[in-house]
Amino acid sequence: MKSIEDTLRLVNNTVLSLSKHTKISIALIGGYATIAHGVEKTTADVDFCIYTETIYRKETLTFIELLKKVIPDNFEIRFIEGSKIADDPFKHDVIFMDDRAGEYPRIDLIIAKYKWELEGLEEAKPLEDILFPVLSKPYLVTMKLKAGSLKDDSDIVGLYEPMTAQEKKKAFKLARLIHRDKKLKSLLAYEKPRQEKENKSLLIRQEYSEE
């Protein structure tokens, strides 16, 4: 199986080729973006959020035809409209890229639907270890608040803790925008006493070990 670096290189080369035909913005999201920000977790698919003028001025199928011309032949492309994906609260349109050879993980291109997602794409920057635009922590938290699974809730707490004061302010601003600020407060309020209990337990174990 190809590494995440190989996958990002493939996507980057694809974007460079596509940019000759259409304006395009893209950023790494999902599990690998969470890992890139320092939160430990496991994930299989590589997810990206994408915006292109071709999709919004024409249609998604026109963009897919462009995509087919620039990706390796071993990739199969599937497109599903968001309204047909029952477990996606966003109802995003998604382009799935599957490697028939099985060398690359599945690549999901999630088409930006909200103005704040486009704003996040425009602000996305490469990180020290990943030379590819990664959605920033506040916007990533917002996507996970909208998604709402237990895994997303856990990731939110992990992403919020190392944020700067400015990033935390931005996270709450975005949470209010999508009407999830109460949920964010609740997740953080629950985490604090749990951590305090764990720290107390650690101190007790340390006391016994010193005897």
C-alpha atoms as a PDB file:
ATOM      1  CA  MET A   1       0.000   0.000   0.000  1.00  0.00           C
ATOM      2  CA  LYS A   2       1.287   3.440  -0.914  1.00  0.00           C
ATOM      3  CA  SER A   3       2.063   5.850   1.920  1.00  0.00           C
ATOM      4  CA  ILE A   4       0.124   9.008   2.734  1.00  0.00           C
ATOM      5  CA  GLU A   5       3.036  10.962   1.236  1.00  0.00           C
ATOM      6  CA  ASP A   6       2.662   9.065  -2.050  1.00  0.00           C
ATOM      7  CA  THR A   7      -1.079   9.703  -2.015  1.00  0.00           C
ATOM      8  CA  LEU A   8      -0.644  13.423  -1.368  1.00  0.00           C
ATOM      9  CA  ARG A   9       1.916  13.608  -4.164  1.00  0.00           C
ATOM     10  CA  LEU A  10      -0.530  11.944  -6.564  1.00  0.00           C
ATOM     11  CA  VAL A  11      -3.326  14.338  -5.593  1.00  0.00           C
ATOM     12  CA  ASN A  12      -1.011  17.338  -5.816  1.00  0.00           C
ATOM     13  CA  ASN A  13       0.076  16.380  -9.341  1.00  0.00           C
ATOM     14  CA  THR A  14      -3.564  15.882 -10.280  1.00  0.00           C
ATOM     15  CA  VAL A  15      -4.467  19.334  -8.949  1.00  0.00           C
ATOM     16  CA  LEU A  16      -1.601  20.927 -10.874  1.00  0.00           C
ATOM     17  CA  SER A  17      -2.883  19.350 -14.085  1.00  0.00           C
ATOM     18  CA  LEU A  18      -6.483  20.350 -13.372  1.00  0.00           C
ATOM     19  CA  SER A  19      -5.488  23.933 -12.568  1.00  0.00           C
ATOM     20  CA  LYS A  20      -4.634  24.412 -16.244  1.00  0.00           C
ATOM     21  CA  HIS A  21      -8.341  24.023 -17.015  1.00  0.00           C
ATOM     22  CA  THR A  22     -10.163  25.391 -13.967  1.00  0.00           C
ATOM     23  CA  LYS A  23      -9.613  27.332 -10.762  1.00  0.00           C
ATOM     24  CA  ILE A  24      -9.356  24.801  -7.964  1.00  0.00           C
ATOM     25  CA  SER A  25      -8.944  24.890  -4.170  1.00  0.00           C
ATOM     26  CA  ILE A  26      -8.283  21.773  -2.122  1.00  0.00           C
ATOM     27  CA  ALA A  27      -7.271  20.794   1.404  1.00  0.00           C
ATOM     28  CA  LEU A  28      -6.691  17.609   3.361  1.00  0.00           C
ATOM     29  CA  ILE A  29      -9.514  16.926   5.833  1.00  0.00           C
ATOM     30  CA  GLY A  30     -10.800  13.933   7.792  1.00  0.00           C
ATOM     31  CA  GLY A  31      -8.667  11.476   9.709  1.00  0.00           C
ATOM     32  CA  TYR A  32      -5.309  12.287   8.159  1.00  0.00           C
ATOM     33  CA  ALA A  33      -5.804  16.017   8.739  1.00  0.00           C
ATOM     34  CA  THR A  34      -6.600  15.239  12.375  1.00  0.00           C
ATOM     35  CA  ILE A  35      -3.421  13.156  12.645  1.00  0.00           C
ATOM     36  CA  ALA A  36      -1.434  15.940  10.964  1.00  0.00           C
ATOM     37  CA  HIS A  37      -2.557  18.281  13.760  1.00  0.00           C
ATOM     38  CA  GLY A  38      -1.195  15.886  16.389  1.00  0.00           C
ATOM     39  CA  VAL A  39      -4.261  13.860  17.391  1.00  0.00           C
ATOM     40  CA  GLU A  40      -3.637  10.113  17.544  1.00  0.00           C
ATOM     41  CA  LYS A  41      -6.149   7.997  15.618  1.00  0.00           C
ATOM     42  CA  THR A  42      -6.404   5.417  12.858  1.00  0.00           C
ATOM     43  CA  THR A  43      -8.000   5.946   9.472  1.00  0.00           C
ATOM     44  CA  ALA A  44      -8.164   4.219   6.104  1.00  0.00           C
ATOM     45  CA  ASP A  45      -9.493   6.586   3.435  1.00  0.00           C
ATOM     46  CA  VAL A  46      -7.815   9.863   2.528  1.00  0.00           C
ATOM     47  CA  ASP A  47     -10.335  12.705   2.463  1.00  0.00           C
ATOM     48  CA  PHE A  48     -10.125  16.069   0.746  1.00  0.00           C
ATOM     49  CA  CYS A  49     -12.475  19.024   0.521  1.00  0.00           C
ATOM     50  CA  ILE A  50     -12.469  20.582  -2.920  1.00  0.00           C
ATOM     51  CA  TYR A  51     -13.887  23.617  -4.723  1.00  0.00           C
ATOM     52  CA  THR A  52     -13.686  24.217  -8.440  1.00  0.00           C
ATOM     53  CA  GLU A  53     -15.310  26.772 -10.693  1.00  0.00           C
ATOM     54  CA  THR A  54     -16.118  24.037 -13.221  1.00  0.00           C
ATOM     55  CA  ILE A  55     -18.533  22.359 -10.816  1.00  0.00           C
ATOM     56  CA  TYR A  56     -20.348  25.542  -9.868  1.00  0.00           C
ATOM     57  CA  ARG A  57     -20.428  27.191 -13.279  1.00  0.00           C
ATOM     58  CA  LYS A  58     -21.133  23.997 -15.212  1.00  0.00           C
ATOM     59  CA  GLU A  59     -21.684  20.682 -13.416  1.00  0.00           C
ATOM     60  CA  THR A  60     -19.860  17.960 -11.500  1.00  0.00           C
ATOM     61  CA  LEU A  61     -19.852  15.532 -14.428  1.00  0.00           C
ATOM     62  CA  THR A  62     -17.917  18.072 -16.515  1.00  0.00           C
ATOM     63  CA  PHE A  63     -15.264  18.218 -13.792  1.00  0.00           C
ATOM     64  CA  ILE A  64     -15.154  14.424 -13.589  1.00  0.00           C
ATOM     65  CA  GLU A  65     -14.397  14.223 -17.307  1.00  0.00           C
ATOM     66  CA  LEU A  66     -11.445  16.569 -16.730  1.00  0.00           C
ATOM     67  CA  LEU A  67     -10.356  14.452 -13.763  1.00  0.00           C
ATOM     68  CA  LYS A  68     -10.399  11.243 -15.799  1.00  0.00           C
ATOM     69  CA  LYS A  69      -7.963  12.771 -18.282  1.00  0.00           C
ATOM     70  CA  VAL A  70      -5.287  13.550 -15.675  1.00  0.00           C
ATOM     71  CA  ILE A  71      -5.365  10.636 -13.219  1.00  0.00           C
ATOM     72  CA  PRO A  72      -3.670   7.252 -13.778  1.00  0.00           C
ATOM     73  CA  ASP A  73      -5.729   4.700 -15.719  1.00  0.00           C
ATOM     74  CA  ASN A  74      -5.858   2.308 -12.758  1.00  0.00           C
ATOM     75  CA  PHE A  75      -8.274   4.608 -10.902  1.00  0.00           C
ATOM     76  CA  GLU A  76     -12.018   4.153 -11.076  1.00  0.00           C
ATOM     77  CA  ILE A  77     -14.168   7.214 -10.387  1.00  0.00           C
ATOM     78  CA  ARG A  78     -17.590   7.093  -8.780  1.00  0.00           C
ATOM     79  CA  PHE A  79     -19.825  10.072  -8.066  1.00  0.00           C
ATOM     80  CA  ILE A  80     -22.627  10.128  -5.514  1.00  0.00           C
ATOM     81  CA  GLU A  81     -24.923  13.072  -4.944  1.00  0.00           C
ATOM     82  CA  GLY A  82     -25.126  14.176  -1.332  1.00  0.00           C
ATOM     83  CA  SER A  83     -28.868  13.693  -1.195  1.00  0.00           C
ATOM     84  CA  LYS A  84     -28.278   9.969  -1.768  1.00  0.00           C
ATOM     85  CA  ILE A  85     -25.782   9.522   1.099  1.00  0.00           C
ATOM     86  CA  ALA A  86     -27.935   8.795   4.123  1.00  0.00           C
ATOM     87  CA  ASP A  87     -25.181   8.989   6.763  1.00  0.00           C
ATOM     88  CA  ASP A  88     -23.754  12.375   5.706  1.00  0.00           C
ATOM     89  CA  PRO A  89     -25.328  15.243   7.705  1.00  0.00           C
ATOM     90  CA  PHE A  90     -23.681  17.680   5.283  1.00  0.00           C
ATOM     91  CA  LYS A  91     -25.274  16.083   2.228  1.00  0.00           C
ATOM     92  CA  HIS A  92     -22.098  16.762   0.269  1.00  0.00           C
ATOM     93  CA  ASP A  93     -21.638  15.554  -3.270  1.00  0.00           C
ATOM     94  CA  VAL A  94     -18.655  13.177  -3.181  1.00  0.00           C
ATOM     95  CA  ILE A  95     -16.262  11.868  -5.841  1.00  0.00           C
ATOM     96  CA  PHE A  96     -14.702   8.534  -4.882  1.00  0.00           C
ATOM     97  CA  MET A  97     -11.390   7.506  -6.468  1.00  0.00           C
ATOM     98  CA  ASP A  98     -10.655   3.767  -6.113  1.00  0.00           C
ATOM     99  CA  ASP A  99      -7.362   2.234  -7.225  1.00  0.00           C
ATOM    100  CA  ARG A 100      -8.106  -1.005  -9.080  1.00  0.00           C
ATOM    101  CA  ALA A 101      -4.524  -2.141  -8.443  1.00  0.00           C
ATOM    102  CA  GLY A 102      -5.022  -1.736  -4.698  1.00  0.00           C
ATOM    103  CA  GLU A 103      -1.816   0.257  -4.218  1.00  0.00           C
ATOM    104  CA  TYR A 104      -3.430   3.513  -3.082  1.00  0.00           C
ATOM    105  CA  PRO A 105      -6.054   3.947  -0.374  1.00  0.00           C
ATOM    106  CA  ARG A 106      -9.453   5.198  -1.464  1.00  0.00           C
ATOM    107  CA  ILE A 107      -9.412   8.927  -2.139  1.00  0.00           C
ATOM    108  CA  ASP A 108     -12.589  10.863  -1.359  1.00  0.00           C
ATOM    109  CA  LEU A 109     -13.111  14.318  -2.878  1.00  0.00           C
ATOM    110  CA  ILE A 110     -15.825  16.045  -0.852  1.00  0.00           C
ATOM    111  CA  ILE A 111     -17.234  18.976  -2.785  1.00  0.00           C
ATOM    112  CA  ALA A 112     -17.491  22.148  -0.717  1.00  0.00           C
ATOM    113  CA  LYS A 113     -21.085  23.179  -0.121  1.00  0.00           C
ATOM    114  CA  TYR A 114     -20.941  25.939   2.481  1.00  0.00           C
ATOM    115  CA  LYS A 115     -19.343  29.384   2.344  1.00  0.00           C
ATOM    116  CA  TRP A 116     -17.376  28.681   5.534  1.00  0.00           C
ATOM    117  CA  GLU A 117     -15.889  25.573   3.891  1.00  0.00           C
ATOM    118  CA  LEU A 118     -14.651  27.670   0.986  1.00  0.00           C
ATOM    119  CA  GLU A 119     -13.203  30.133   3.498  1.00  0.00           C
ATOM    120  CA  GLY A 120     -11.432  27.229   5.213  1.00  0.00           C
ATOM    121  CA  LEU A 121     -10.021  26.018   1.903  1.00  0.00           C
ATOM    122  CA  GLU A 122      -8.650  29.469   1.120  1.00  0.00           C
ATOM    123  CA  GLU A 123      -6.955  29.642   4.534  1.00  0.00           C
ATOM    124  CA  ALA A 124      -5.579  26.071   4.475  1.00  0.00           C
ATOM    125  CA  LYS A 125      -1.786  25.845   4.585  1.00  0.00           C
ATOM    126  CA  PRO A 126       0.840  23.087   4.423  1.00  0.00           C
ATOM    127  CA  LEU A 127       2.162  21.888   7.772  1.00  0.00           C
ATOM    128  CA  GLU A 128       5.756  21.203   8.731  1.00  0.00           C
ATOM    129  CA  ASP A 129       5.560  17.461   8.025  1.00  0.00           C
ATOM    130  CA  ILE A 130       2.951  17.610   5.246  1.00  0.00           C
ATOM    131  CA  LEU A 131       3.699  19.768   2.232  1.00  0.00           C
ATOM    132  CA  PHE A 132       0.041  19.915   1.218  1.00  0.00           C
ATOM    133  CA  PRO A 133      -2.717  22.314   2.331  1.00  0.00           C
ATOM    134  CA  VAL A 134      -4.363  20.999   5.511  1.00  0.00           C
ATOM    135  CA  LEU A 135      -7.632  22.387   6.844  1.00  0.00           C
ATOM    136  CA  SER A 136      -6.880  24.362  10.019  1.00  0.00           C
ATOM    137  CA  LYS A 137      -8.013  23.117  13.437  1.00  0.00           C
ATOM    138  CA  PRO A 138     -10.993  25.509  13.829  1.00  0.00           C
ATOM    139  CA  TYR A 139     -12.471  24.550  10.457  1.00  0.00           C
ATOM    140  CA  LEU A 140     -11.736  20.877  11.002  1.00  0.00           C
ATOM    141  CA  VAL A 141     -13.528  21.057  14.360  1.00  0.00           C
ATOM    142  CA  THR A 142     -16.491  22.687  12.602  1.00  0.00           C
ATOM    143  CA  MET A 143     -16.732  19.864  10.075  1.00  0.00           C
ATOM    144  CA  LYS A 144     -16.587  17.304  12.870  1.00  0.00           C
ATOM    145  CA  LEU A 145     -19.226  19.141  14.907  1.00  0.00           C
ATOM    146  CA  LYS A 146     -21.497  18.938  11.874  1.00  0.00           C
ATOM    147  CA  ALA A 147     -20.714  15.251  11.323  1.00  0.00           C
ATOM    148  CA  GLY A 148     -21.485  14.408  14.939  1.00  0.00           C
ATOM    149  CA  SER A 149     -20.211  10.832  15.398  1.00  0.00           C
ATOM    150  CA  LEU A 150     -18.594   9.631  18.646  1.00  0.00           C
ATOM    151  CA  LYS A 151     -15.212   9.468  16.897  1.00  0.00           C
ATOM    152  CA  ASP A 152     -15.679  13.033  15.678  1.00  0.00           C
ATOM    153  CA  ASP A 153     -16.531  14.168  19.228  1.00  0.00           C
ATOM    154  CA  SER A 154     -13.306  12.636  20.523  1.00  0.00           C
ATOM    155  CA  ASP A 155     -11.292  14.267  17.724  1.00  0.00           C
ATOM    156  CA  ILE A 156     -12.839  17.658  18.522  1.00  0.00           C
ATOM    157  CA  VAL A 157     -11.512  17.580  22.076  1.00  0.00           C
ATOM    158  CA  GLY A 158      -8.069  16.527  20.861  1.00  0.00           C
ATOM    159  CA  LEU A 159      -7.977  19.273  18.242  1.00  0.00           C
ATOM    160  CA  TYR A 160      -9.237  21.992  20.585  1.00  0.00           C
ATOM    161  CA  GLU A 161      -6.735  21.448  23.395  1.00  0.00           C
ATOM    162  CA  PRO A 162      -3.578  22.643  21.534  1.00  0.00           C
ATOM    163  CA  MET A 163      -5.321  25.593  19.849  1.00  0.00           C
ATOM    164  CA  THR A 164      -4.114  29.122  20.414  1.00  0.00           C
ATOM    165  CA  ALA A 165      -6.524  31.591  22.033  1.00  0.00           C
ATOM    166  CA  GLN A 166      -7.237  33.065  18.603  1.00  0.00           C
ATOM    167  CA  GLU A 167      -7.959  29.623  17.135  1.00  0.00           C
ATOM    168  CA  LYS A 168     -10.331  28.787  20.011  1.00  0.00           C
ATOM    169  CA  LYS A 169     -12.200  32.038  19.445  1.00  0.00           C
ATOM    170  CA  LYS A 170     -12.479  31.174  15.743  1.00  0.00           C
ATOM    171  CA  ALA A 171     -13.695  27.657  16.556  1.00  0.00           C
ATOM    172  CA  PHE A 172     -16.538  28.995  18.706  1.00  0.00           C
ATOM    173  CA  LYS A 173     -17.432  31.598  16.093  1.00  0.00           C
ATOM    174  CA  LEU A 174     -17.755  28.874  13.464  1.00  0.00           C
ATOM    175  CA  ALA A 175     -19.628  26.615  15.888  1.00  0.00           C
ATOM    176  CA  ARG A 176     -22.195  29.380  16.429  1.00  0.00           C
ATOM    177  CA  LEU A 177     -22.490  29.792  12.671  1.00  0.00           C
ATOM    178  CA  ILE A 178     -23.595  26.163  12.277  1.00  0.00           C
ATOM    179  CA  HIS A 179     -25.589  26.213  15.546  1.00  0.00           C
ATOM    180  CA  ARG A 180     -23.261  23.755  17.297  1.00  0.00           C
ATOM    181  CA  ASP A 181     -21.701  26.077  19.911  1.00  0.00           C
ATOM    182  CA  LYS A 182     -23.684  24.457  22.763  1.00  0.00           C
ATOM    183  CA  LYS A 183     -22.440  21.047  21.682  1.00  0.00           C
ATOM    184  CA  LEU A 184     -18.838  22.284  21.610  1.00  0.00           C
ATOM    185  CA  LYS A 185     -19.188  23.718  25.127  1.00  0.00           C
ATOM    186  CA  SER A 186     -20.728  20.457  26.317  1.00  0.00           C
ATOM    187  CA  LEU A 187     -17.916  18.327  24.862  1.00  0.00           C
ATOM    188  CA  LEU A 188     -15.232  20.492  26.454  1.00  0.00           C
ATOM    189  CA  ALA A 189     -17.059  20.663  29.808  1.00  0.00           C
ATOM    190  CA  TYR A 190     -17.307  16.857  29.889  1.00  0.00           C
ATOM    191  CA  GLU A 191     -13.644  16.396  29.047  1.00  0.00           C
ATOM    192  CA  LYS A 192     -12.286  18.603  31.843  1.00  0.00           C
ATOM    193  CA  PRO A 193     -13.596  16.621  34.849  1.00  0.00           C
ATOM    194  CA  ARG A 194     -12.652  13.355  33.101  1.00  0.00           C
ATOM    195  CA  GLN A 195      -9.061  14.547  32.717  1.00  0.00           C
ATOM    196  CA  GLU A 196      -8.968  15.739  36.335  1.00  0.00           C
ATOM    197  CA  LYS A 197     -10.121  12.299  37.488  1.00  0.00           C
ATOM    198  CA  GLU A 198      -7.448  10.619  35.372  1.00  0.00           C
ATOM    199  CA  ASN A 199      -4.764  12.937  36.739  1.00  0.00           C
ATOM    200  CA  LYS A 200      -5.846  12.210  40.311  1.00  0.00           C
ATOM    201  CA  SER A 201      -5.703   8.492  39.614  1.00  0.00           C
ATOM    202  CA  LEU A 202      -2.197   8.902  38.242  1.00  0.00           C
ATOM    203  CA  LEU A 203      -1.071  10.690  41.402  1.00  0.00           C
ATOM    204  CA  ILE A 204      -2.405   7.861  43.572  1.00  0.00           C
ATOM    205  CA  ARG A 205      -0.514   5.306  41.511  1.00  0.00           C
ATOM    206  CA  GLN A 206       2.617   7.414  41.842  1.00  0.00           C
ATOM    207  CA  GLU A 207       2.209   7.541  45.643  1.00  0.00           C
ATOM    208  CA  TYR A 208       1.984   3.749  45.854  1.00  0.00           C
ATOM    209  CA  SER A 209       4.997   3.341  43.618  1.00  0.00           C
ATOM    210  CA  GLU A 210       7.057   5.578  45.880  1.00  0.00           C
ATOM    211  CA  GLU A 211       6.347   3.462  49.012  1.00  0.00           C
END
